[in-house]
Amino acid sequence: MKTAQDIIIAPVITEKSMSGIADKKYTFKVAKDASKYEIADAVEELFKVDVAKVNTVNVRGKARRMGRYEGYTSSWKKAIVTLKADSKSIEFFDGLM
């Protein structure tokens, strides 16, 4: 069985993801084989919050070139986690605002 640290890989820090914090929407890079239920349980376990819903997006790798060589960056999975209205916020993201 996967642990919560295996499911939640990293936070996604972009301008668009930071604008969602006001609505209690947090964005994470997650394991490609993780389900929405596993992601919700992992966020609740790691950050001690109440999750309302989870939306996932499979992000394709972008085409990149280094001189005459071409390739693709690796594809990954992104999860947008919405917390319940009465839940506390995630302190890690509060320090970034």
C-alpha atoms as a PDB file:
ATOM      1  CA  MET A   1       0.000   0.000   0.000  1.00  0.00           C
ATOM      2  CA  LYS A   2       1.178   3.499  -0.794  1.00  0.00           C
ATOM      3  CA  THR A   3       1.794   6.029   1.929  1.00  0.00           C
ATOM      4  CA  ALA A   4       0.542   9.611   1.782  1.00  0.00           C
ATOM      5  CA  GLN A   5       4.059  10.812   0.943  1.00  0.00           C
ATOM      6  CA  ASP A   6       4.128   8.477  -2.085  1.00  0.00           C
ATOM      7  CA  ILE A   7       0.834   9.906  -3.407  1.00  0.00           C
ATOM      8  CA  ILE A   8       1.403  13.650  -2.871  1.00  0.00           C
ATOM      9  CA  ILE A   9       4.680  14.422  -4.660  1.00  0.00           C
ATOM     10  CA  ALA A  10       4.917  18.236  -4.619  1.00  0.00           C
ATOM     11  CA  PRO A  11       2.826  21.406  -4.474  1.00  0.00           C
ATOM     12  CA  VAL A  12       2.264  23.267  -7.735  1.00  0.00           C
ATOM     13  CA  ILE A  13       3.306  26.903  -7.301  1.00  0.00           C
ATOM     14  CA  THR A  14       2.016  28.963 -10.233  1.00  0.00           C
ATOM     15  CA  GLU A  15       0.130  32.223 -10.517  1.00  0.00           C
ATOM     16  CA  LYS A  16      -3.090  30.421 -11.438  1.00  0.00           C
ATOM     17  CA  SER A  17      -2.821  27.872  -8.625  1.00  0.00           C
ATOM     18  CA  MET A  18      -2.123  30.631  -6.094  1.00  0.00           C
ATOM     19  CA  SER A  19      -5.270  32.506  -7.114  1.00  0.00           C
ATOM     20  CA  GLY A  20      -7.330  29.446  -6.116  1.00  0.00           C
ATOM     21  CA  ILE A  21      -6.174  29.585  -2.492  1.00  0.00           C
ATOM     22  CA  ALA A  22      -8.810  32.232  -1.719  1.00  0.00           C
ATOM     23  CA  ASP A  23     -11.471  29.630  -2.627  1.00  0.00           C
ATOM     24  CA  LYS A  24      -9.639  26.920  -0.601  1.00  0.00           C
ATOM     25  CA  LYS A  25      -8.416  25.182  -3.775  1.00  0.00           C
ATOM     26  CA  TYR A  26      -4.912  23.753  -3.542  1.00  0.00           C
ATOM     27  CA  THR A  27      -2.924  22.198  -6.402  1.00  0.00           C
ATOM     28  CA  PHE A  28      -0.522  19.263  -6.058  1.00  0.00           C
ATOM     29  CA  LYS A  29       1.597  17.056  -8.302  1.00  0.00           C
ATOM     30  CA  VAL A  30       0.502  13.500  -7.502  1.00  0.00           C
ATOM     31  CA  ALA A  31       1.376   9.936  -8.450  1.00  0.00           C
ATOM     32  CA  LYS A  32       0.092   8.971 -11.897  1.00  0.00           C
ATOM     33  CA  ASP A  33      -1.733   5.872 -10.626  1.00  0.00           C
ATOM     34  CA  ALA A  34      -3.394   7.577  -7.637  1.00  0.00           C
ATOM     35  CA  SER A  35      -7.190   7.726  -7.536  1.00  0.00           C
ATOM     36  CA  LYS A  36      -9.255  10.654  -6.301  1.00  0.00           C
ATOM     37  CA  TYR A  37     -10.093   8.780  -3.086  1.00  0.00           C
ATOM     38  CA  GLU A  38      -6.426   8.066  -2.389  1.00  0.00           C
ATOM     39  CA  ILE A  39      -5.508  11.707  -3.038  1.00  0.00           C
ATOM     40  CA  ALA A  40      -8.242  12.959  -0.686  1.00  0.00           C
ATOM     41  CA  ASP A  41      -7.143  10.577   2.080  1.00  0.00           C
ATOM     42  CA  ALA A  42      -3.483  11.556   1.632  1.00  0.00           C
ATOM     43  CA  VAL A  43      -4.208  15.300   1.869  1.00  0.00           C
ATOM     44  CA  GLU A  44      -6.372  14.773   4.949  1.00  0.00           C
ATOM     45  CA  GLU A  45      -3.642  12.690   6.587  1.00  0.00           C
ATOM     46  CA  LEU A  46      -0.725  14.994   5.765  1.00  0.00           C
ATOM     47  CA  PHE A  47      -2.301  18.392   6.419  1.00  0.00           C
ATOM     48  CA  LYS A  48      -5.117  17.511   8.904  1.00  0.00           C
ATOM     49  CA  VAL A  49      -7.852  19.193   6.826  1.00  0.00           C
ATOM     50  CA  ASP A  50     -11.298  18.186   5.510  1.00  0.00           C
ATOM     51  CA  VAL A  51     -11.456  17.610   1.735  1.00  0.00           C
ATOM     52  CA  ALA A  52     -14.689  18.415  -0.110  1.00  0.00           C
ATOM     53  CA  LYS A  53     -13.677  17.246  -3.615  1.00  0.00           C
ATOM     54  CA  VAL A  54     -10.735  16.392  -5.847  1.00  0.00           C
ATOM     55  CA  ASN A  55     -10.333  17.182  -9.551  1.00  0.00           C
ATOM     56  CA  THR A  56      -7.503  15.527 -11.490  1.00  0.00           C
ATOM     57  CA  VAL A  57      -5.760  16.429 -14.740  1.00  0.00           C
ATOM     58  CA  ASN A  58      -3.285  14.327 -16.713  1.00  0.00           C
ATOM     59  CA  VAL A  59      -0.654  16.770 -17.978  1.00  0.00           C
ATOM     60  CA  ARG A  60       1.073  15.745 -21.224  1.00  0.00           C
ATOM     61  CA  GLY A  61       4.791  16.195 -21.675  1.00  0.00           C
ATOM     62  CA  LYS A  62       5.894  19.128 -23.817  1.00  0.00           C
ATOM     63  CA  ALA A  63       8.115  18.785 -26.878  1.00  0.00           C
ATOM     64  CA  ARG A  64      11.599  20.121 -26.186  1.00  0.00           C
ATOM     65  CA  ARG A  65      14.773  20.481 -28.245  1.00  0.00           C
ATOM     66  CA  MET A  66      18.428  20.559 -27.242  1.00  0.00           C
ATOM     67  CA  GLY A  67      20.310  21.436 -30.405  1.00  0.00           C
ATOM     68  CA  ARG A  68      19.554  18.780 -33.000  1.00  0.00           C
ATOM     69  CA  TYR A  69      17.999  16.357 -30.481  1.00  0.00           C
ATOM     70  CA  GLU A  70      14.268  16.305 -29.813  1.00  0.00           C
ATOM     71  CA  GLY A  71      12.308  14.764 -27.009  1.00  0.00           C
ATOM     72  CA  TYR A  72       9.452  15.205 -24.593  1.00  0.00           C
ATOM     73  CA  THR A  73       9.361  16.159 -20.949  1.00  0.00           C
ATOM     74  CA  SER A  74       7.743  13.567 -18.727  1.00  0.00           C
ATOM     75  CA  SER A  75       3.973  13.563 -18.342  1.00  0.00           C
ATOM     76  CA  TRP A  76       2.484  13.901 -14.842  1.00  0.00           C
ATOM     77  CA  LYS A  77      -0.784  14.092 -12.935  1.00  0.00           C
ATOM     78  CA  LYS A  78      -2.120  17.214 -11.245  1.00  0.00           C
ATOM     79  CA  ALA A  79      -4.778  17.268  -8.518  1.00  0.00           C
ATOM     80  CA  ILE A  80      -6.836  20.310  -7.529  1.00  0.00           C
ATOM     81  CA  VAL A  81      -8.100  19.705  -4.001  1.00  0.00           C
ATOM     82  CA  THR A  82     -11.034  21.756  -2.692  1.00  0.00           C
ATOM     83  CA  LEU A  83     -11.439  21.950   1.076  1.00  0.00           C
ATOM     84  CA  LYS A  84     -14.699  22.226   2.985  1.00  0.00           C
ATOM     85  CA  ALA A  85     -15.780  25.731   4.008  1.00  0.00           C
ATOM     86  CA  ASP A  86     -15.347  25.032   7.735  1.00  0.00           C
ATOM     87  CA  SER A  87     -11.927  23.378   7.290  1.00  0.00           C
ATOM     88  CA  LYS A  88      -8.716  25.126   8.259  1.00  0.00           C
ATOM     89  CA  SER A  89      -6.316  26.202   5.522  1.00  0.00           C
ATOM     90  CA  ILE A  90      -2.996  24.539   4.679  1.00  0.00           C
ATOM     91  CA  GLU A  91      -0.208  26.444   6.474  1.00  0.00           C
ATOM     92  CA  PHE A  92       2.417  25.724   3.790  1.00  0.00           C
ATOM     93  CA  PHE A  93       0.509  27.769   1.212  1.00  0.00           C
ATOM     94  CA  ASP A  94      -0.268  30.566   3.690  1.00  0.00           C
ATOM     95  CA  GLY A  95       3.450  31.288   3.989  1.00  0.00           C
ATOM     96  CA  LEU A  96       3.689  31.838   0.223  1.00  0.00           C
ATOM     97  CA  MET A  97       1.003  34.504   0.029  1.00  0.00           C
END
